[in-house]
């Protein structure tokens, strides 16, 4: 995975949540989300973890979480590839 792909993923499916960056992967299986998280980790360091989410209908899904400590690393990697209108997803105004 290249930084441009991670930037695209964040622009499309990411959001800022109290200091962390979440990437919505709700429609993927746990194995698929784990594969994506491992790809991010293997290419950019240990910045991603899985977070379980339970929908209102009881369905369990998974998201990729980038912690407050790791959000700066993510920013340094992907901001050069993001369009200005999407920087809010990293809490950059």
Foldseek 3Di string as FASTA:
>chain_A
DALLVVLVQCLVAWADDPQKIKGDPFVDDPVVQVVVQVVCCVVQNNFWDKDWDADPVGDIGIIIMGHNVSLVSNCVSHVVNHDPVRCVRSPDD
